[in-house]
Amino acid sequence: MATLEQKLQELVQDSIDAMGFELVGIECQRAGRFLTVRLYIDKEGGVTIDDCSDVSRQVSAIFDVEDPIADKYNLEVSSPGLDRPLFTLAHYQRFVGREVVIHLRIPMFDRRKWQGEILSVEGDLITLKLDESLKLENNLQSFAFGNIQKANLIPVFNF
């Protein structure tokens, strides 16, 4: 069964592509009676506020016609930002060598939150090089993509 995020992505993907944007991913978060539907978009050279506004109008029109969400919701359109969320295996592959923080659905070694450098992506396994203080073999740990609930890049600031 497809998740709400997957259903929404199927509805809007072609339209967002036609506008010249990459649909990075969709998050749905419930806060009380309201649902927040957050779309992350990107394009070469970055995303402006006007870009977000244009995509928001287009997606709102699609949602008005298709009515895919039964509850009241707020639609947000955003750039991925400095702490870019990773939604697909291709995202992990694209950012091999970058630091990431991941949150697991099911804990490993009594931990849900892990941080490290993305070393490789093989099949559906993502391998991170972890901090040496964790005292794991070779400081490497692999995670099944399906067990990752949320992942974000750690911003790099060069001064």
N, C-alpha and C. Protein backbone atom coordinates (compact mmCIF):
# COMPACT_ATOMS: atom_id res chain seq x y z
N MET A 1 0.85 -1.19 0.00
CA MET A 1 0.00 0.00 0.00
C MET A 1 0.89 1.25 0.00
N ALA A 2 0.60 2.16 -0.87
CA ALA A 2 1.40 3.38 -0.99
C ALA A 2 1.11 4.33 0.16
N THR A 3 2.14 5.02 0.60
CA THR A 3 1.96 6.01 1.65
C THR A 3 1.32 7.26 1.05
N LEU A 4 0.83 8.13 1.91
CA LEU A 4 0.25 9.39 1.44
C LEU A 4 1.29 10.19 0.66
N GLU A 5 2.53 10.21 1.16
CA GLU A 5 3.59 10.94 0.47
C GLU A 5 3.78 10.41 -0.95
N GLN A 6 3.76 9.08 -1.11
CA GLN A 6 3.94 8.49 -2.44
C GLN A 6 2.77 8.85 -3.36
N LYS A 7 1.55 8.81 -2.83
CA LYS A 7 0.38 9.17 -3.64
C LYS A 7 0.45 10.62 -4.08
N LEU A 8 0.83 11.51 -3.17
CA LEU A 8 0.93 12.93 -3.51
C LEU A 8 2.03 13.16 -4.54
N GLN A 9 3.15 12.45 -4.38
CA GLN A 9 4.24 12.61 -5.33
C GLN A 9 3.80 12.20 -6.73
N GLU A 10 3.06 11.11 -6.84
CA GLU A 10 2.56 10.67 -8.14
C GLU A 10 1.66 11.73 -8.77
N LEU A 11 0.88 12.43 -7.94
CA LEU A 11 -0.02 13.46 -8.45
C LEU A 11 0.70 14.68 -9.00
N VAL A 12 1.77 15.10 -8.34
CA VAL A 12 2.40 16.38 -8.67
C VAL A 12 3.72 16.28 -9.42
N GLN A 13 4.32 15.10 -9.48
CA GLN A 13 5.66 14.94 -10.06
C GLN A 13 5.77 15.52 -11.46
N ASP A 14 4.89 15.12 -12.37
CA ASP A 14 4.99 15.57 -13.76
C ASP A 14 4.85 17.09 -13.88
N SER A 15 3.94 17.65 -13.12
CA SER A 15 3.71 19.09 -13.17
C SER A 15 4.94 19.87 -12.68
N ILE A 16 5.54 19.40 -11.58
CA ILE A 16 6.72 20.07 -11.03
C ILE A 16 7.90 19.92 -11.98
N ASP A 17 8.04 18.73 -12.57
CA ASP A 17 9.10 18.52 -13.57
C ASP A 17 8.92 19.48 -14.74
N ALA A 18 7.68 19.64 -15.22
CA ALA A 18 7.39 20.51 -16.36
C ALA A 18 7.71 21.97 -16.05
N MET A 19 7.66 22.34 -14.78
CA MET A 19 7.98 23.71 -14.38
C MET A 19 9.50 23.92 -14.28
N GLY A 20 10.28 22.85 -14.43
CA GLY A 20 11.74 22.97 -14.38
C GLY A 20 12.35 22.75 -13.02
N PHE A 21 11.62 22.13 -12.12
CA PHE A 21 12.11 21.89 -10.78
C PHE A 21 12.29 20.39 -10.51
N GLU A 22 13.17 20.08 -9.57
CA GLU A 22 13.30 18.72 -9.07
C GLU A 22 12.46 18.63 -7.80
N LEU A 23 11.58 17.65 -7.73
CA LEU A 23 10.84 17.39 -6.50
C LEU A 23 11.74 16.51 -5.64
N VAL A 24 12.35 17.11 -4.64
CA VAL A 24 13.29 16.40 -3.78
C VAL A 24 12.55 15.38 -2.93
N GLY A 25 11.41 15.78 -2.37
CA GLY A 25 10.62 14.87 -1.54
C GLY A 25 9.44 15.57 -0.92
N ILE A 26 8.60 14.75 -0.29
CA ILE A 26 7.40 15.25 0.38
C ILE A 26 7.35 14.68 1.78
N GLU A 27 7.05 15.53 2.76
CA GLU A 27 6.84 15.12 4.15
C GLU A 27 5.42 15.49 4.55
N CYS A 28 4.76 14.60 5.25
CA CYS A 28 3.45 14.89 5.83
C CYS A 28 3.56 14.73 7.34
N GLN A 29 3.22 15.77 8.08
CA GLN A 29 3.31 15.73 9.54
C GLN A 29 1.99 16.22 10.13
N ARG A 30 1.49 15.47 11.07
CA ARG A 30 0.24 15.83 11.73
C ARG A 30 0.56 16.61 13.00
N ALA A 31 -0.19 17.71 13.19
CA ALA A 31 -0.11 18.51 14.41
C ALA A 31 -1.54 18.77 14.84
N GLY A 32 -2.01 17.98 15.79
CA GLY A 32 -3.41 18.10 16.20
C GLY A 32 -4.33 17.64 15.10
N ARG A 33 -5.29 18.47 14.74
CA ARG A 33 -6.25 18.11 13.69
C ARG A 33 -5.75 18.45 12.30
N PHE A 34 -4.65 19.19 12.22
CA PHE A 34 -4.16 19.64 10.92
C PHE A 34 -2.97 18.81 10.45
N LEU A 35 -2.89 18.69 9.15
CA LEU A 35 -1.79 18.00 8.50
C LEU A 35 -0.96 19.05 7.78
N THR A 36 0.34 18.99 7.92
CA THR A 36 1.23 19.85 7.15
C THR A 36 1.84 19.00 6.05
N VAL A 37 1.64 19.43 4.81
CA VAL A 37 2.22 18.77 3.65
C VAL A 37 3.34 19.67 3.16
N ARG A 38 4.58 19.17 3.28
CA ARG A 38 5.76 19.98 2.94
C ARG A 38 6.43 19.37 1.71
N LEU A 39 6.54 20.17 0.65
CA LEU A 39 7.23 19.76 -0.57
C LEU A 39 8.57 20.46 -0.61
N TYR A 40 9.62 19.70 -0.91
CA TYR A 40 10.95 20.26 -1.08
C TYR A 40 11.26 20.25 -2.57
N ILE A 41 11.61 21.42 -3.11
CA ILE A 41 11.94 21.54 -4.53
C ILE A 41 13.35 22.09 -4.66
N ASP A 42 13.96 21.82 -5.80
CA ASP A 42 15.30 22.35 -6.07
C ASP A 42 15.43 22.59 -7.56
N LYS A 43 16.41 23.38 -7.92
CA LYS A 43 16.77 23.60 -9.33
C LYS A 43 18.20 24.10 -9.36
N GLU A 44 18.78 24.00 -10.55
CA GLU A 44 20.14 24.50 -10.75
C GLU A 44 20.18 25.98 -10.37
N GLY A 45 21.12 26.36 -9.53
CA GLY A 45 21.24 27.76 -9.12
C GLY A 45 20.43 28.11 -7.89
N GLY A 46 19.64 27.16 -7.38
CA GLY A 46 18.88 27.40 -6.15
C GLY A 46 17.44 27.83 -6.40
N VAL A 47 16.69 27.84 -5.33
CA VAL A 47 15.26 28.12 -5.36
C VAL A 47 14.99 29.47 -4.72
N THR A 48 14.12 30.26 -5.35
CA THR A 48 13.74 31.56 -4.79
C THR A 48 12.36 31.46 -4.14
N ILE A 49 11.98 32.50 -3.43
CA ILE A 49 10.65 32.57 -2.82
C ILE A 49 9.59 32.55 -3.92
N ASP A 50 9.84 33.24 -5.02
CA ASP A 50 8.89 33.23 -6.13
C ASP A 50 8.71 31.83 -6.71
N ASP A 51 9.81 31.06 -6.78
CA ASP A 51 9.72 29.68 -7.24
C ASP A 51 8.80 28.86 -6.33
N CYS A 52 8.98 29.02 -5.04
CA CYS A 52 8.14 28.29 -4.07
C CYS A 52 6.68 28.69 -4.21
N SER A 53 6.45 29.98 -4.41
CA SER A 53 5.09 30.48 -4.58
C SER A 53 4.45 29.92 -5.85
N ASP A 54 5.20 29.88 -6.94
CA ASP A 54 4.68 29.35 -8.21
C ASP A 54 4.31 27.87 -8.08
N VAL A 55 5.19 27.10 -7.47
CA VAL A 55 4.93 25.67 -7.28
C VAL A 55 3.76 25.47 -6.34
N SER A 56 3.67 26.29 -5.29
CA SER A 56 2.56 26.18 -4.35
C SER A 56 1.22 26.39 -5.05
N ARG A 57 1.14 27.40 -5.91
CA ARG A 57 -0.10 27.66 -6.65
C ARG A 57 -0.46 26.48 -7.55
N GLN A 58 0.54 25.93 -8.25
CA GLN A 58 0.30 24.82 -9.15
C GLN A 58 -0.17 23.57 -8.38
N VAL A 59 0.53 23.26 -7.30
CA VAL A 59 0.18 22.07 -6.50
C VAL A 59 -1.18 22.26 -5.84
N SER A 60 -1.47 23.46 -5.36
CA SER A 60 -2.79 23.73 -4.76
C SER A 60 -3.90 23.48 -5.76
N ALA A 61 -3.69 23.90 -7.00
CA ALA A 61 -4.70 23.68 -8.04
C ALA A 61 -4.91 22.18 -8.29
N ILE A 62 -3.83 21.44 -8.31
CA ILE A 62 -3.93 19.98 -8.50
C ILE A 62 -4.68 19.35 -7.33
N PHE A 63 -4.32 19.74 -6.12
CA PHE A 63 -4.99 19.18 -4.93
C PHE A 63 -6.46 19.56 -4.90
N ASP A 64 -6.80 20.77 -5.36
CA ASP A 64 -8.21 21.20 -5.39
C ASP A 64 -9.02 20.31 -6.33
N VAL A 65 -8.43 19.94 -7.45
CA VAL A 65 -9.14 19.11 -8.43
C VAL A 65 -9.18 17.65 -7.98
N GLU A 66 -8.04 17.12 -7.56
CA GLU A 66 -7.93 15.69 -7.23
C GLU A 66 -8.42 15.36 -5.82
N ASP A 67 -8.37 16.33 -4.91
CA ASP A 67 -8.80 16.17 -3.51
C ASP A 67 -8.21 14.91 -2.86
N PRO A 68 -6.85 14.81 -2.82
CA PRO A 68 -6.22 13.60 -2.31
C PRO A 68 -6.13 13.50 -0.78
N ILE A 69 -6.45 14.60 -0.08
CA ILE A 69 -6.29 14.63 1.37
C ILE A 69 -7.64 14.90 2.00
N ALA A 70 -8.10 13.95 2.81
CA ALA A 70 -9.42 14.08 3.42
C ALA A 70 -9.45 15.11 4.55
N ASP A 71 -8.34 15.27 5.24
CA ASP A 71 -8.27 16.17 6.40
C ASP A 71 -7.93 17.60 5.97
N LYS A 72 -8.06 18.51 6.93
CA LYS A 72 -7.59 19.87 6.71
C LYS A 72 -6.07 19.83 6.69
N TYR A 73 -5.47 20.62 5.80
CA TYR A 73 -4.02 20.59 5.70
C TYR A 73 -3.48 21.96 5.33
N ASN A 74 -2.21 22.15 5.64
CA ASN A 74 -1.46 23.33 5.22
C ASN A 74 -0.40 22.85 4.25
N LEU A 75 -0.27 23.54 3.13
CA LEU A 75 0.73 23.21 2.13
C LEU A 75 1.91 24.16 2.27
N GLU A 76 3.10 23.59 2.35
CA GLU A 76 4.33 24.37 2.40
C GLU A 76 5.24 23.90 1.28
N VAL A 77 5.85 24.84 0.57
CA VAL A 77 6.82 24.52 -0.46
C VAL A 77 8.12 25.21 -0.07
N SER A 78 9.21 24.46 -0.07
CA SER A 78 10.47 24.96 0.43
C SER A 78 11.64 24.44 -0.39
N SER A 79 12.76 25.13 -0.29
CA SER A 79 14.01 24.58 -0.82
C SER A 79 14.49 23.54 0.19
N PRO A 80 15.40 22.66 -0.20
CA PRO A 80 15.90 21.66 0.75
C PRO A 80 16.72 22.28 1.88
N GLY A 81 17.27 23.45 1.67
CA GLY A 81 18.03 24.13 2.71
C GLY A 81 19.41 23.53 2.92
N LEU A 82 20.13 24.08 3.87
CA LEU A 82 21.49 23.62 4.15
C LEU A 82 21.51 22.22 4.76
N ASP A 83 20.48 21.90 5.54
CA ASP A 83 20.40 20.57 6.16
C ASP A 83 19.47 19.68 5.33
N ARG A 84 19.75 19.63 4.05
CA ARG A 84 18.94 18.95 3.03
C ARG A 84 18.47 17.57 3.50
N PRO A 85 17.17 17.32 3.43
CA PRO A 85 16.68 15.98 3.75
C PRO A 85 17.00 15.01 2.60
N LEU A 86 17.25 13.76 2.94
CA LEU A 86 17.52 12.72 1.95
C LEU A 86 16.33 11.78 1.95
N PHE A 87 15.72 11.59 0.79
CA PHE A 87 14.51 10.79 0.67
C PHE A 87 14.71 9.48 -0.08
N THR A 88 15.69 9.43 -0.99
CA THR A 88 15.84 8.26 -1.86
C THR A 88 17.27 7.73 -1.79
N LEU A 89 17.46 6.50 -2.24
CA LEU A 89 18.81 5.93 -2.32
C LEU A 89 19.70 6.78 -3.23
N ALA A 90 19.11 7.33 -4.29
CA ALA A 90 19.88 8.19 -5.20
C ALA A 90 20.40 9.43 -4.47
N HIS A 91 19.63 9.95 -3.52
CA HIS A 91 20.11 11.10 -2.73
C HIS A 91 21.35 10.72 -1.93
N TYR A 92 21.33 9.54 -1.28
CA TYR A 92 22.48 9.10 -0.51
C TYR A 92 23.69 8.93 -1.43
N GLN A 93 23.47 8.33 -2.60
CA GLN A 93 24.55 8.12 -3.56
C GLN A 93 25.13 9.46 -4.00
N ARG A 94 24.28 10.42 -4.23
CA ARG A 94 24.69 11.75 -4.69
C ARG A 94 25.57 12.45 -3.66
N PHE A 95 25.34 12.16 -2.38
CA PHE A 95 26.06 12.86 -1.32
C PHE A 95 27.06 11.97 -0.58
N VAL A 96 27.59 10.93 -1.26
CA VAL A 96 28.67 10.13 -0.69
C VAL A 96 29.82 11.07 -0.35
N GLY A 97 30.37 10.90 0.84
CA GLY A 97 31.46 11.76 1.30
C GLY A 97 31.00 12.89 2.19
N ARG A 98 29.70 13.10 2.29
CA ARG A 98 29.15 14.17 3.15
C ARG A 98 28.68 13.59 4.48
N GLU A 99 28.71 14.44 5.50
CA GLU A 99 28.21 14.06 6.82
C GLU A 99 26.69 14.10 6.84
N VAL A 100 26.10 13.14 7.52
CA VAL A 100 24.64 13.03 7.58
C VAL A 100 24.24 12.60 8.99
N VAL A 101 23.05 12.97 9.39
CA VAL A 101 22.47 12.46 10.64
C VAL A 101 21.21 11.70 10.22
N ILE A 102 21.09 10.47 10.74
CA ILE A 102 19.93 9.66 10.41
C ILE A 102 19.19 9.27 11.68
N HIS A 103 17.89 9.10 11.53
CA HIS A 103 17.03 8.64 12.61
C HIS A 103 16.38 7.34 12.13
N LEU A 104 16.52 6.30 12.93
CA LEU A 104 16.03 4.98 12.54
C LEU A 104 14.62 4.72 13.06
N ARG A 105 13.89 3.89 12.34
CA ARG A 105 12.58 3.44 12.81
C ARG A 105 12.75 2.45 13.95
N ILE A 106 13.68 1.50 13.77
CA ILE A 106 13.96 0.48 14.78
C ILE A 106 15.40 0.68 15.24
N PRO A 107 15.62 0.84 16.54
CA PRO A 107 16.97 1.12 17.04
C PRO A 107 17.97 0.00 16.72
N MET A 108 19.22 0.41 16.57
CA MET A 108 20.34 -0.52 16.46
C MET A 108 21.28 -0.20 17.60
N PHE A 109 21.68 -1.22 18.34
CA PHE A 109 22.55 -1.02 19.50
C PHE A 109 21.97 0.03 20.45
N ASP A 110 20.65 -0.05 20.65
CA ASP A 110 19.92 0.85 21.55
C ASP A 110 19.98 2.33 21.14
N ARG A 111 20.20 2.59 19.86
CA ARG A 111 20.27 3.97 19.37
C ARG A 111 19.40 4.12 18.14
N ARG A 112 18.69 5.23 18.09
CA ARG A 112 17.91 5.58 16.89
C ARG A 112 18.62 6.65 16.07
N LYS A 113 19.42 7.48 16.70
CA LYS A 113 20.08 8.59 16.02
C LYS A 113 21.55 8.25 15.80
N TRP A 114 21.99 8.38 14.54
CA TRP A 114 23.36 8.09 14.16
C TRP A 114 23.88 9.24 13.29
N GLN A 115 25.18 9.47 13.38
CA GLN A 115 25.80 10.52 12.59
C GLN A 115 27.11 10.01 12.03
N GLY A 116 27.37 10.35 10.77
CA GLY A 116 28.64 9.95 10.17
C GLY A 116 28.70 10.36 8.71
N GLU A 117 29.83 10.02 8.10
CA GLU A 117 30.06 10.31 6.68
C GLU A 117 29.50 9.17 5.84
N ILE A 118 28.75 9.52 4.81
CA ILE A 118 28.23 8.50 3.90
C ILE A 118 29.42 7.94 3.13
N LEU A 119 29.69 6.66 3.36
CA LEU A 119 30.83 6.02 2.73
C LEU A 119 30.44 5.32 1.44
N SER A 120 29.28 4.63 1.46
CA SER A 120 28.85 3.92 0.25
C SER A 120 27.37 3.61 0.30
N VAL A 121 26.83 3.33 -0.88
CA VAL A 121 25.45 2.88 -1.03
C VAL A 121 25.53 1.64 -1.92
N GLU A 122 25.16 0.50 -1.35
CA GLU A 122 25.19 -0.76 -2.10
C GLU A 122 23.86 -1.45 -1.91
N GLY A 123 23.12 -1.58 -3.01
CA GLY A 123 21.77 -2.14 -2.91
C GLY A 123 20.93 -1.20 -2.09
N ASP A 124 20.32 -1.73 -1.01
CA ASP A 124 19.54 -0.86 -0.13
C ASP A 124 20.26 -0.63 1.20
N LEU A 125 21.59 -0.83 1.22
CA LEU A 125 22.38 -0.58 2.42
C LEU A 125 23.20 0.69 2.28
N ILE A 126 23.12 1.52 3.30
CA ILE A 126 23.89 2.75 3.37
C ILE A 126 24.92 2.58 4.46
N THR A 127 26.18 2.74 4.12
CA THR A 127 27.25 2.57 5.10
C THR A 127 27.80 3.93 5.50
N LEU A 128 27.88 4.15 6.81
CA LEU A 128 28.41 5.39 7.36
C LEU A 128 29.73 5.11 8.06
N LYS A 129 30.66 6.05 7.94
CA LYS A 129 31.87 6.04 8.75
C LYS A 129 31.55 6.88 9.97
N LEU A 130 31.56 6.25 11.13
CA LEU A 130 31.12 6.89 12.37
C LEU A 130 32.29 7.48 13.14
N ASP A 131 31.95 8.26 14.14
CA ASP A 131 32.93 8.83 15.05
C ASP A 131 33.67 7.70 15.76
N GLU A 132 34.97 7.85 15.94
CA GLU A 132 35.79 6.81 16.56
C GLU A 132 35.40 6.53 18.00
N SER A 133 34.75 7.46 18.68
CA SER A 133 34.39 7.28 20.09
C SER A 133 33.34 6.18 20.28
N LEU A 134 32.66 5.76 19.21
CA LEU A 134 31.63 4.72 19.32
C LEU A 134 32.22 3.33 19.47
N LYS A 135 33.51 3.19 19.16
CA LYS A 135 34.23 1.93 19.33
C LYS A 135 33.54 0.75 18.62
N LEU A 136 33.11 0.98 17.40
CA LEU A 136 32.57 -0.09 16.57
C LEU A 136 33.67 -0.57 15.64
N GLU A 137 33.55 -1.80 15.17
CA GLU A 137 34.56 -2.37 14.29
C GLU A 137 34.75 -1.50 13.06
N ASN A 138 35.97 -1.04 12.85
CA ASN A 138 36.33 -0.17 11.72
C ASN A 138 35.56 1.15 11.72
N ASN A 139 34.81 1.43 12.76
CA ASN A 139 33.98 2.64 12.84
C ASN A 139 33.02 2.73 11.67
N LEU A 140 32.61 1.59 11.13
CA LEU A 140 31.66 1.54 10.03
C LEU A 140 30.37 0.89 10.50
N GLN A 141 29.26 1.39 10.00
CA GLN A 141 27.97 0.78 10.30
C GLN A 141 27.08 0.93 9.07
N SER A 142 26.43 -0.18 8.70
CA SER A 142 25.51 -0.17 7.58
C SER A 142 24.08 -0.14 8.09
N PHE A 143 23.23 0.57 7.36
CA PHE A 143 21.83 0.73 7.73
C PHE A 143 20.96 0.38 6.52
N ALA A 144 19.91 -0.38 6.76
CA ALA A 144 18.96 -0.68 5.70
C ALA A 144 18.16 0.59 5.40
N PHE A 145 18.04 0.91 4.13
CA PHE A 145 17.31 2.11 3.73
C PHE A 145 15.89 2.11 4.30
N GLY A 146 15.24 0.96 4.33
CA GLY A 146 13.88 0.86 4.85
C GLY A 146 13.76 1.14 6.32
N ASN A 147 14.87 1.08 7.06
CA ASN A 147 14.84 1.36 8.50
C ASN A 147 15.14 2.82 8.81
N ILE A 148 15.45 3.60 7.80
CA ILE A 148 15.75 5.02 8.03
C ILE A 148 14.45 5.81 7.94
N GLN A 149 14.10 6.41 9.07
CA GLN A 149 12.87 7.21 9.14
C GLN A 149 13.09 8.60 8.56
N LYS A 150 14.26 9.17 8.87
CA LYS A 150 14.56 10.55 8.46
C LYS A 150 16.08 10.69 8.37
N ALA A 151 16.52 11.47 7.40
CA ALA A 151 17.96 11.74 7.27
C ALA A 151 18.16 13.15 6.73
N ASN A 152 19.17 13.82 7.26
CA ASN A 152 19.50 15.17 6.81
C ASN A 152 21.01 15.31 6.72
N LEU A 153 21.44 16.06 5.69
CA LEU A 153 22.85 16.42 5.61
C LEU A 153 23.19 17.35 6.75
N ILE A 154 24.44 17.30 7.16
CA ILE A 154 24.93 18.25 8.16
C ILE A 154 25.59 19.39 7.38
N PRO A 155 25.11 20.62 7.60
CA PRO A 155 25.66 21.75 6.85
C PRO A 155 27.16 21.91 7.05
N VAL A 156 27.84 22.31 5.98
CA VAL A 156 29.27 22.58 6.02
C VAL A 156 29.46 24.08 5.82
N PHE A 157 30.15 24.69 6.75
CA PHE A 157 30.44 26.12 6.65
C PHE A 157 31.95 26.29 6.50
N ASN A 158 32.37 26.92 5.44
CA ASN A 158 33.78 27.18 5.20
C ASN A 158 34.06 28.66 5.46
N PHE A 159 34.91 28.91 6.43
CA PHE A 159 35.23 30.29 6.76
C PHE A 159 36.63 30.62 6.34
